[in-house]
């Protein structure tokens, strides 16, 4: 390997190690988030509250879009990601109500 190719391989390895660490952070963060949303679902079920809160969801989507813009992340991607999470949370909340 040339010096340039060796340096590129080293940089690639460093980027991949960072990506792996960030993936772990994402998974643990989502795990923690879902622990809280499960508690919210149980609380809603105990008090006969609806599993979905459209006003809260809209506020969260707007908040996440703002965060995405500040983080230089595609806000459409962030919105899709949050919508996916919200849909999953609502399903969990519905299960608590059964």
C-alpha atoms as a PDB file:
ATOM      1  CA  UNK A   1       0.000   0.000   0.000  1.00  0.00           C
ATOM      2  CA  UNK A   2       1.088   3.533  -0.674  1.00  0.00           C
ATOM      3  CA  UNK A   3       1.353   6.089   2.106  1.00  0.00           C
ATOM      4  CA  UNK A   4      -1.827   7.775   0.843  1.00  0.00           C
ATOM      5  CA  UNK A   5      -3.716   4.467   0.738  1.00  0.00           C
ATOM      6  CA  UNK A   6      -2.482   3.550   4.226  1.00  0.00           C
ATOM      7  CA  UNK A   7      -3.576   6.947   5.574  1.00  0.00           C
ATOM      8  CA  UNK A   8      -6.962   6.571   3.867  1.00  0.00           C
ATOM      9  CA  UNK A   9      -7.386   3.101   5.386  1.00  0.00           C
ATOM     10  CA  UNK A  10      -6.511   4.508   8.834  1.00  0.00           C
ATOM     11  CA  UNK A  11      -9.011   7.347   8.411  1.00  0.00           C
ATOM     12  CA  UNK A  12     -11.685   4.908   7.250  1.00  0.00           C
ATOM     13  CA  UNK A  13     -11.071   2.775  10.330  1.00  0.00           C
ATOM     14  CA  UNK A  14     -11.364   5.839  12.606  1.00  0.00           C
ATOM     15  CA  UNK A  15     -14.619   6.941  10.960  1.00  0.00           C
ATOM     16  CA  UNK A  16     -16.074   3.447  11.270  1.00  0.00           C
ATOM     17  CA  UNK A  17     -15.095   3.238  14.947  1.00  0.00           C
ATOM     18  CA  UNK A  18     -16.847   6.572  15.559  1.00  0.00           C
ATOM     19  CA  UNK A  19     -19.915   5.373  13.653  1.00  0.00           C
ATOM     20  CA  UNK A  20     -19.994   2.202  15.754  1.00  0.00           C
ATOM     21  CA  UNK A  21     -19.826   4.228  18.984  1.00  0.00           C
ATOM     22  CA  UNK A  22     -22.575   6.547  17.766  1.00  0.00           C
ATOM     23  CA  UNK A  23     -24.752   3.576  16.788  1.00  0.00           C
ATOM     24  CA  UNK A  24     -24.383   2.243  20.330  1.00  0.00           C
ATOM     25  CA  UNK A  25     -25.354   5.643  21.734  1.00  0.00           C
ATOM     26  CA  UNK A  26     -28.433   5.719  19.475  1.00  0.00           C
ATOM     27  CA  UNK A  27     -29.542   2.242  20.541  1.00  0.00           C
ATOM     28  CA  UNK A  28     -29.089   2.933  24.259  1.00  0.00           C
ATOM     29  CA  UNK A  29     -30.784   6.334  23.895  1.00  0.00           C
ATOM     30  CA  UNK A  30     -33.754   4.785  22.103  1.00  0.00           C
ATOM     31  CA  UNK A  31     -33.926   2.103  24.790  1.00  0.00           C
ATOM     32  CA  UNK A  32     -34.084   4.778  27.484  1.00  0.00           C
ATOM     33  CA  UNK A  33     -36.646   6.773  25.509  1.00  0.00           C
ATOM     34  CA  UNK A  34     -38.904   3.757  25.100  1.00  0.00           C
ATOM     35  CA  UNK A  35     -38.705   2.988  28.829  1.00  0.00           C
ATOM     36  CA  UNK A  36     -40.240   6.403  29.432  1.00  0.00           C
ATOM     37  CA  UNK A  37     -42.830   6.084  26.684  1.00  0.00           C
ATOM     38  CA  UNK A  38     -43.858   2.693  28.092  1.00  0.00           C
ATOM     39  CA  UNK A  39     -44.420   4.380  31.452  1.00  0.00           C
ATOM     40  CA  UNK A  40     -46.441   7.089  29.717  1.00  0.00           C
ATOM     41  CA  UNK A  41     -48.508   4.389  28.001  1.00  0.00           C
ATOM     42  CA  UNK A  42     -49.272   2.675  31.304  1.00  0.00           C
ATOM     43  CA  UNK A  43     -50.192   6.001  32.888  1.00  0.00           C
ATOM     44  CA  UNK A  44     -52.490   6.877  29.985  1.00  0.00           C
ATOM     45  CA  UNK A  45     -54.155   3.455  30.200  1.00  0.00           C
ATOM     46  CA  UNK A  46     -54.676   3.793  33.971  1.00  0.00           C
ATOM     47  CA  UNK A  47     -56.374   7.169  33.508  1.00  0.00           C
ATOM     48  CA  UNK A  48     -58.306   6.420  30.321  1.00  0.00           C
ATOM     49  CA  UNK A  49     -56.328   8.905  28.258  1.00  0.00           C
ATOM     50  CA  UNK A  50     -56.045   8.475  24.478  1.00  0.00           C
ATOM     51  CA  UNK A  51     -52.907   6.706  23.221  1.00  0.00           C
ATOM     52  CA  UNK A  52     -52.217   9.511  20.750  1.00  0.00           C
ATOM     53  CA  UNK A  53     -51.732  13.222  21.471  1.00  0.00           C
ATOM     54  CA  UNK A  54     -51.709  15.000  18.082  1.00  0.00           C
ATOM     55  CA  UNK A  55     -50.895  18.418  19.580  1.00  0.00           C
ATOM     56  CA  UNK A  56     -47.879  17.021  21.435  1.00  0.00           C
ATOM     57  CA  UNK A  57     -46.776  15.082  18.346  1.00  0.00           C
ATOM     58  CA  UNK A  58     -46.955  18.178  16.132  1.00  0.00           C
ATOM     59  CA  UNK A  59     -44.983  20.177  18.689  1.00  0.00           C
ATOM     60  CA  UNK A  60     -42.329  17.452  18.886  1.00  0.00           C
ATOM     61  CA  UNK A  61     -42.015  17.258  15.103  1.00  0.00           C
ATOM     62  CA  UNK A  62     -41.530  21.032  14.870  1.00  0.00           C
ATOM     63  CA  UNK A  63     -38.990  20.867  17.708  1.00  0.00           C
ATOM     64  CA  UNK A  64     -37.082  18.055  16.020  1.00  0.00           C
ATOM     65  CA  UNK A  65     -37.056  19.885  12.686  1.00  0.00           C
ATOM     66  CA  UNK A  66     -35.491  22.886  14.436  1.00  0.00           C
ATOM     67  CA  UNK A  67     -32.918  20.662  16.144  1.00  0.00           C
ATOM     68  CA  UNK A  68     -32.147  18.970  12.822  1.00  0.00           C
ATOM     69  CA  UNK A  69     -31.559  22.308  11.131  1.00  0.00           C
ATOM     70  CA  UNK A  70     -29.214  23.380  13.934  1.00  0.00           C
ATOM     71  CA  UNK A  71     -27.389  20.025  13.758  1.00  0.00           C
ATOM     72  CA  UNK A  72     -27.004  20.245   9.971  1.00  0.00           C
ATOM     73  CA  UNK A  73     -29.218  17.163   9.553  1.00  0.00           C
ATOM     74  CA  UNK A  74     -31.819  16.885   6.814  1.00  0.00           C
ATOM     75  CA  UNK A  75     -35.040  17.983   8.565  1.00  0.00           C
ATOM     76  CA  UNK A  76     -37.137  15.721   6.320  1.00  0.00           C
ATOM     77  CA  UNK A  77     -35.117  12.736   7.496  1.00  0.00           C
ATOM     78  CA  UNK A  78     -35.488  13.841  11.128  1.00  0.00           C
ATOM     79  CA  UNK A  79     -39.251  14.211  10.627  1.00  0.00           C
ATOM     80  CA  UNK A  80     -39.545  10.726   9.100  1.00  0.00           C
ATOM     81  CA  UNK A  81     -37.479   9.299  11.946  1.00  0.00           C
ATOM     82  CA  UNK A  82     -39.632  10.920  14.626  1.00  0.00           C
ATOM     83  CA  UNK A  83     -42.844   9.911  12.844  1.00  0.00           C
ATOM     84  CA  UNK A  84     -41.602   6.320  12.857  1.00  0.00           C
ATOM     85  CA  UNK A  85     -40.866   6.504  16.589  1.00  0.00           C
ATOM     86  CA  UNK A  86     -44.224   8.159  17.329  1.00  0.00           C
ATOM     87  CA  UNK A  87     -46.083   5.452  15.409  1.00  0.00           C
ATOM     88  CA  UNK A  88     -44.260   2.779  17.415  1.00  0.00           C
ATOM     89  CA  UNK A  89     -45.009   4.540  20.704  1.00  0.00           C
ATOM     90  CA  UNK A  90     -48.711   4.841  19.839  1.00  0.00           C
ATOM     91  CA  UNK A  91     -48.814   1.097  19.116  1.00  0.00           C
ATOM     92  CA  UNK A  92     -47.277   0.431  22.531  1.00  0.00           C
ATOM     93  CA  UNK A  93     -49.807   2.748  24.169  1.00  0.00           C
ATOM     94  CA  UNK A  94     -52.678   0.967  22.433  1.00  0.00           C
ATOM     95  CA  UNK A  95     -51.406  -2.368  23.741  1.00  0.00           C
ATOM     96  CA  UNK A  96     -51.457  -0.993  27.293  1.00  0.00           C
ATOM     97  CA  UNK A  97     -55.095  -0.038  26.804  1.00  0.00           C
ATOM     98  CA  UNK A  98     -56.150  -3.543  25.801  1.00  0.00           C
END
